[in-house]
Amino acid sequence: MSKTHLHTYWIGGSPCSGKTTIAGRLASSYGCGVFRCDEAYFRHQGLMVPEAQPIFHRLSNATCDELWMRPVATQVSEELALYREEFPFIVDDLAGSRGTYARIVEGAALLPELLAGHGVERRSAIWIVPTEHFQRERYAQRAWRHDVLAGCTDKEQAWNNWMERDASFARFVAREAQVRGFRVLTVDGTQSLEETLRTVETWFGLERPLREPS
């Protein structure tokens, strides 16, 4: 395994699954660094070249209606294309990072096909996805959702498209992860956060702080 993913634990999945919280808890408990793909997204926008990342470029400059009023199938396929275009930036970030001996990398951008192609071992990665009901319930609690859709001419339709897009994305990544032998954890609200955390810890084999040996 190359240095890029030595002692790296990958948490992919769909929004509203708790993966960001889980990554933070693991980083705090085990002395890991944490890389959040969402936090790097806008920086990566500044690095993209339209000819090399055409989907990334177009969606980054799209209006609210251009984003959310597209057919749901188009939204899903272009989201996947965007993540494929962005992934080399994520790999470069990780290759150039310094700090703790181990790290957690978290984000929806971590598609199973990309991690498999990067040589990530199955016990070093997990995908967490919500059921559609749980996803909608959690999104409805987030006040900032109104800001995302503020510029749309039909907010109700845009909201429904958004929810259907994320549900379709969750099904896609779960299926793709399973096909490649990766672990998928589905959350529906019946498990507590602590139970989900223990499941991820057990899968990764985490037992003690993962600090660089002296």
Protein backbone atom coordinates (compact mmCIF):
# COMPACT_ATOMS: atom_id res chain seq x y z
CA MET A 1 0.00 0.00 0.00
CA SER A 2 1.34 3.44 -0.88
CA LYS A 3 1.96 6.26 1.55
CA THR A 4 -1.17 8.03 0.29
CA HIS A 5 -3.44 5.71 2.23
CA LEU A 6 -1.14 4.12 4.82
CA HIS A 7 -3.02 4.25 8.14
CA THR A 8 -5.89 6.04 6.47
CA TYR A 9 -9.50 5.16 7.28
CA TRP A 10 -12.10 6.13 4.72
CA ILE A 11 -15.75 6.95 5.48
CA GLY A 12 -17.89 7.47 2.41
CA GLY A 13 -21.62 7.53 1.98
CA SER A 14 -24.56 9.83 1.51
CA PRO A 15 -25.55 13.07 3.29
CA CYS A 16 -27.50 12.89 6.55
CA SER A 17 -26.03 9.53 7.52
CA GLY A 18 -23.94 10.78 10.45
CA LYS A 19 -20.59 10.11 8.76
CA THR A 20 -19.22 13.58 9.56
CA THR A 21 -20.04 13.19 13.24
CA ILE A 22 -18.60 9.67 13.31
CA ALA A 23 -15.37 10.86 11.68
CA GLY A 24 -15.03 13.64 14.25
CA ARG A 25 -15.62 11.28 17.16
CA LEU A 26 -13.06 8.81 15.86
CA ALA A 27 -10.49 11.54 15.30
CA SER A 28 -10.99 12.81 18.84
CA SER A 29 -10.96 9.39 20.48
CA TYR A 30 -7.98 7.91 18.65
CA GLY A 31 -5.72 10.88 18.06
CA CYS A 32 -6.26 10.83 14.29
CA GLY A 33 -6.18 13.67 11.86
CA VAL A 34 -9.36 14.21 9.88
CA PHE A 35 -9.81 15.32 6.26
CA ARG A 36 -13.32 16.40 5.31
CA CYS A 37 -13.92 16.39 1.57
CA ASP A 38 -16.75 18.92 1.86
CA GLU A 39 -14.41 21.44 3.49
CA ALA A 40 -11.96 21.12 0.58
CA TYR A 41 -14.63 21.47 -2.11
CA PHE A 42 -14.51 25.24 -2.56
CA ARG A 43 -10.72 25.26 -2.54
CA HIS A 44 -10.79 22.62 -5.27
CA GLN A 45 -13.09 24.90 -7.27
CA GLY A 46 -10.19 27.32 -7.45
CA LEU A 47 -7.90 24.63 -8.86
CA MET A 48 -10.13 23.19 -11.55
CA VAL A 49 -9.57 23.78 -15.25
CA PRO A 50 -12.74 23.85 -17.41
CA GLU A 51 -11.19 21.62 -20.08
CA ALA A 52 -10.08 19.02 -17.53
CA GLN A 53 -13.04 19.22 -15.12
CA PRO A 54 -15.98 20.28 -17.34
CA ILE A 55 -18.79 19.00 -15.09
CA PHE A 56 -17.18 20.43 -11.95
CA HIS A 57 -16.80 23.77 -13.72
CA ARG A 58 -20.34 23.89 -15.10
CA LEU A 59 -22.07 22.93 -11.86
CA SER A 60 -19.94 25.33 -9.85
CA ASN A 61 -21.27 28.17 -11.98
CA ALA A 62 -24.88 26.98 -12.28
CA THR A 63 -27.91 28.89 -11.04
CA CYS A 64 -30.23 27.43 -8.42
CA ASP A 65 -32.72 26.31 -11.08
CA GLU A 66 -29.94 24.88 -13.24
CA LEU A 67 -28.84 22.77 -10.28
CA TRP A 68 -32.11 21.61 -8.77
CA MET A 69 -34.60 21.60 -11.63
CA ARG A 70 -32.64 19.14 -13.75
CA PRO A 71 -34.11 15.62 -14.00
CA VAL A 72 -33.12 13.61 -10.93
CA ALA A 73 -31.30 10.98 -13.00
CA THR A 74 -29.21 13.75 -14.54
CA GLN A 75 -28.45 15.22 -11.12
CA VAL A 76 -27.18 11.85 -9.89
CA SER A 77 -25.07 11.08 -12.95
CA GLU A 78 -23.51 14.55 -12.95
CA GLU A 79 -22.83 14.43 -9.21
CA LEU A 80 -20.93 11.18 -9.78
CA ALA A 81 -19.04 12.76 -12.68
CA LEU A 82 -18.15 15.78 -10.53
CA TYR A 83 -16.74 13.55 -7.78
CA ARG A 84 -14.67 11.63 -10.32
CA GLU A 85 -13.23 14.92 -11.55
CA GLU A 86 -12.56 16.15 -8.02
CA PHE A 87 -10.95 12.99 -6.65
CA PRO A 88 -7.41 13.70 -7.97
CA PHE A 89 -7.45 16.95 -5.95
CA ILE A 90 -8.35 14.97 -2.82
CA VAL A 91 -5.53 12.49 -3.48
CA ASP A 92 -3.07 15.36 -3.95
CA ASP A 93 -4.22 16.94 -0.68
CA LEU A 94 -3.67 13.70 1.20
CA ALA A 95 -0.29 13.04 -0.40
CA GLY A 96 0.91 16.47 0.69
CA SER A 97 -0.52 16.42 4.20
CA ARG A 98 1.56 16.13 7.34
CA GLY A 99 0.66 15.53 10.95
CA THR A 100 -0.69 12.54 12.82
CA TYR A 101 0.32 8.99 11.95
CA ALA A 102 -3.29 8.02 11.19
CA ARG A 103 -6.18 9.93 9.69
CA ILE A 104 -9.85 9.71 8.87
CA VAL A 105 -10.98 10.82 5.41
CA GLU A 106 -14.71 11.52 5.16
CA GLY A 107 -17.11 12.62 2.45
CA ALA A 108 -19.69 11.75 -0.16
CA ALA A 109 -17.00 12.31 -2.80
CA LEU A 110 -15.38 9.00 -1.82
CA LEU A 111 -17.01 6.77 -4.41
CA PRO A 112 -16.36 3.01 -4.08
CA GLU A 113 -14.94 2.80 -7.60
CA LEU A 114 -12.43 5.56 -6.84
CA LEU A 115 -11.20 4.02 -3.61
CA ALA A 116 -11.00 0.56 -5.18
CA GLY A 117 -8.95 2.03 -8.02
CA HIS A 118 -6.74 3.74 -5.47
CA GLY A 119 -5.94 0.39 -3.85
CA VAL A 120 -7.79 0.97 -0.58
CA GLU A 121 -8.17 -2.22 1.46
CA ARG A 122 -11.69 -3.30 2.33
CA ARG A 123 -11.15 -3.16 6.12
CA SER A 124 -9.96 0.45 5.83
CA ALA A 125 -13.19 1.78 4.31
CA ILE A 126 -16.88 1.92 5.11
CA TRP A 127 -19.88 3.58 3.49
CA ILE A 128 -22.67 4.91 5.71
CA VAL A 129 -26.01 5.59 4.04
CA PRO A 130 -29.40 6.59 5.47
CA THR A 131 -32.76 5.18 4.52
CA GLU A 132 -34.75 7.68 2.49
CA HIS A 133 -37.19 8.26 5.36
CA PHE A 134 -34.35 8.97 7.81
CA GLN A 135 -32.61 11.19 5.25
CA ARG A 136 -35.71 13.34 4.72
CA GLU A 137 -36.33 13.54 8.46
CA ARG A 138 -32.80 14.74 9.17
CA TYR A 139 -32.66 17.22 6.28
CA ALA A 140 -35.95 18.75 7.46
CA GLN A 141 -34.21 19.67 10.73
CA ARG A 142 -31.50 21.68 8.98
CA ALA A 143 -32.43 25.34 8.73
CA TRP A 144 -29.80 26.06 6.08
CA ARG A 145 -31.73 23.96 3.54
CA HIS A 146 -33.85 27.05 2.86
CA ASP A 147 -30.73 29.04 1.94
CA VAL A 148 -29.67 26.37 -0.58
CA LEU A 149 -32.97 26.64 -2.44
CA ALA A 150 -33.56 30.38 -1.98
CA GLY A 151 -32.95 31.20 -5.64
CA CYS A 152 -35.18 28.47 -7.09
CA THR A 153 -38.41 29.44 -8.82
CA ASP A 154 -40.21 26.30 -7.60
CA LYS A 155 -38.84 25.55 -4.15
CA GLU A 156 -41.12 22.59 -3.46
CA GLN A 157 -40.12 20.80 -6.66
CA ALA A 158 -36.46 21.66 -6.09
CA TRP A 159 -36.69 20.21 -2.56
CA ASN A 160 -38.27 16.99 -3.82
CA ASN A 161 -35.64 16.69 -6.55
CA TRP A 162 -32.88 17.19 -3.96
CA MET A 163 -34.28 14.50 -1.69
CA GLU A 164 -34.76 12.06 -4.57
CA ARG A 165 -31.25 12.78 -5.82
CA ASP A 166 -29.65 12.00 -2.47
CA ALA A 167 -31.78 8.87 -2.00
CA SER A 168 -30.74 7.64 -5.45
CA PHE A 169 -27.13 8.50 -4.72
CA ALA A 170 -27.28 6.53 -1.46
CA ARG A 171 -28.64 3.46 -3.25
CA PHE A 172 -25.97 3.75 -5.93
CA VAL A 173 -22.98 3.99 -3.60
CA ALA A 174 -24.33 1.21 -1.36
CA ARG A 175 -24.70 -1.11 -4.34
CA GLU A 176 -21.29 -0.18 -5.78
CA ALA A 177 -19.58 -0.67 -2.42
CA GLN A 178 -21.16 -4.08 -1.91
CA VAL A 179 -20.20 -5.23 -5.41
CA ARG A 180 -16.58 -4.41 -4.59
CA GLY A 181 -16.65 -6.20 -1.24
CA PHE A 182 -16.68 -3.04 0.88
CA ARG A 183 -18.72 -2.67 4.07
CA VAL A 184 -21.98 -0.72 3.96
CA LEU A 185 -23.79 0.46 7.07
CA THR A 186 -27.40 1.61 6.67
CA VAL A 187 -28.80 3.94 9.33
CA ASP A 188 -32.50 4.39 9.92
CA GLY A 189 -32.67 6.01 13.35
CA THR A 190 -33.17 2.78 15.29
CA GLN A 191 -29.50 2.67 16.32
CA SER A 192 -28.00 5.29 18.58
CA LEU A 193 -24.97 7.29 17.49
CA GLU A 194 -22.89 5.36 20.02
CA GLU A 195 -23.97 2.05 18.51
CA THR A 196 -23.10 3.24 15.02
CA LEU A 197 -19.75 4.50 16.28
CA ARG A 198 -18.95 1.11 17.84
CA THR A 199 -19.84 -0.64 14.59
CA VAL A 200 -17.39 1.54 12.66
CA GLU A 201 -14.69 1.14 15.33
CA THR A 202 -15.04 -2.63 15.22
CA TRP A 203 -14.90 -2.73 11.43
CA PHE A 204 -11.72 -0.64 11.40
CA GLY A 205 -10.22 -2.65 14.26
CA LEU A 206 -9.58 0.46 16.35
CA GLU A 207 -8.57 -0.33 19.91
CA ARG A 208 -6.06 2.29 21.05
CA PRO A 209 -4.90 5.82 20.14
CA LEU A 210 -3.24 5.69 16.73
CA ARG A 211 -0.34 8.05 17.34
CA GLU A 212 2.97 7.99 15.55
CA PRO A 213 5.46 5.80 17.43
CA SER A 214 8.46 7.53 18.94
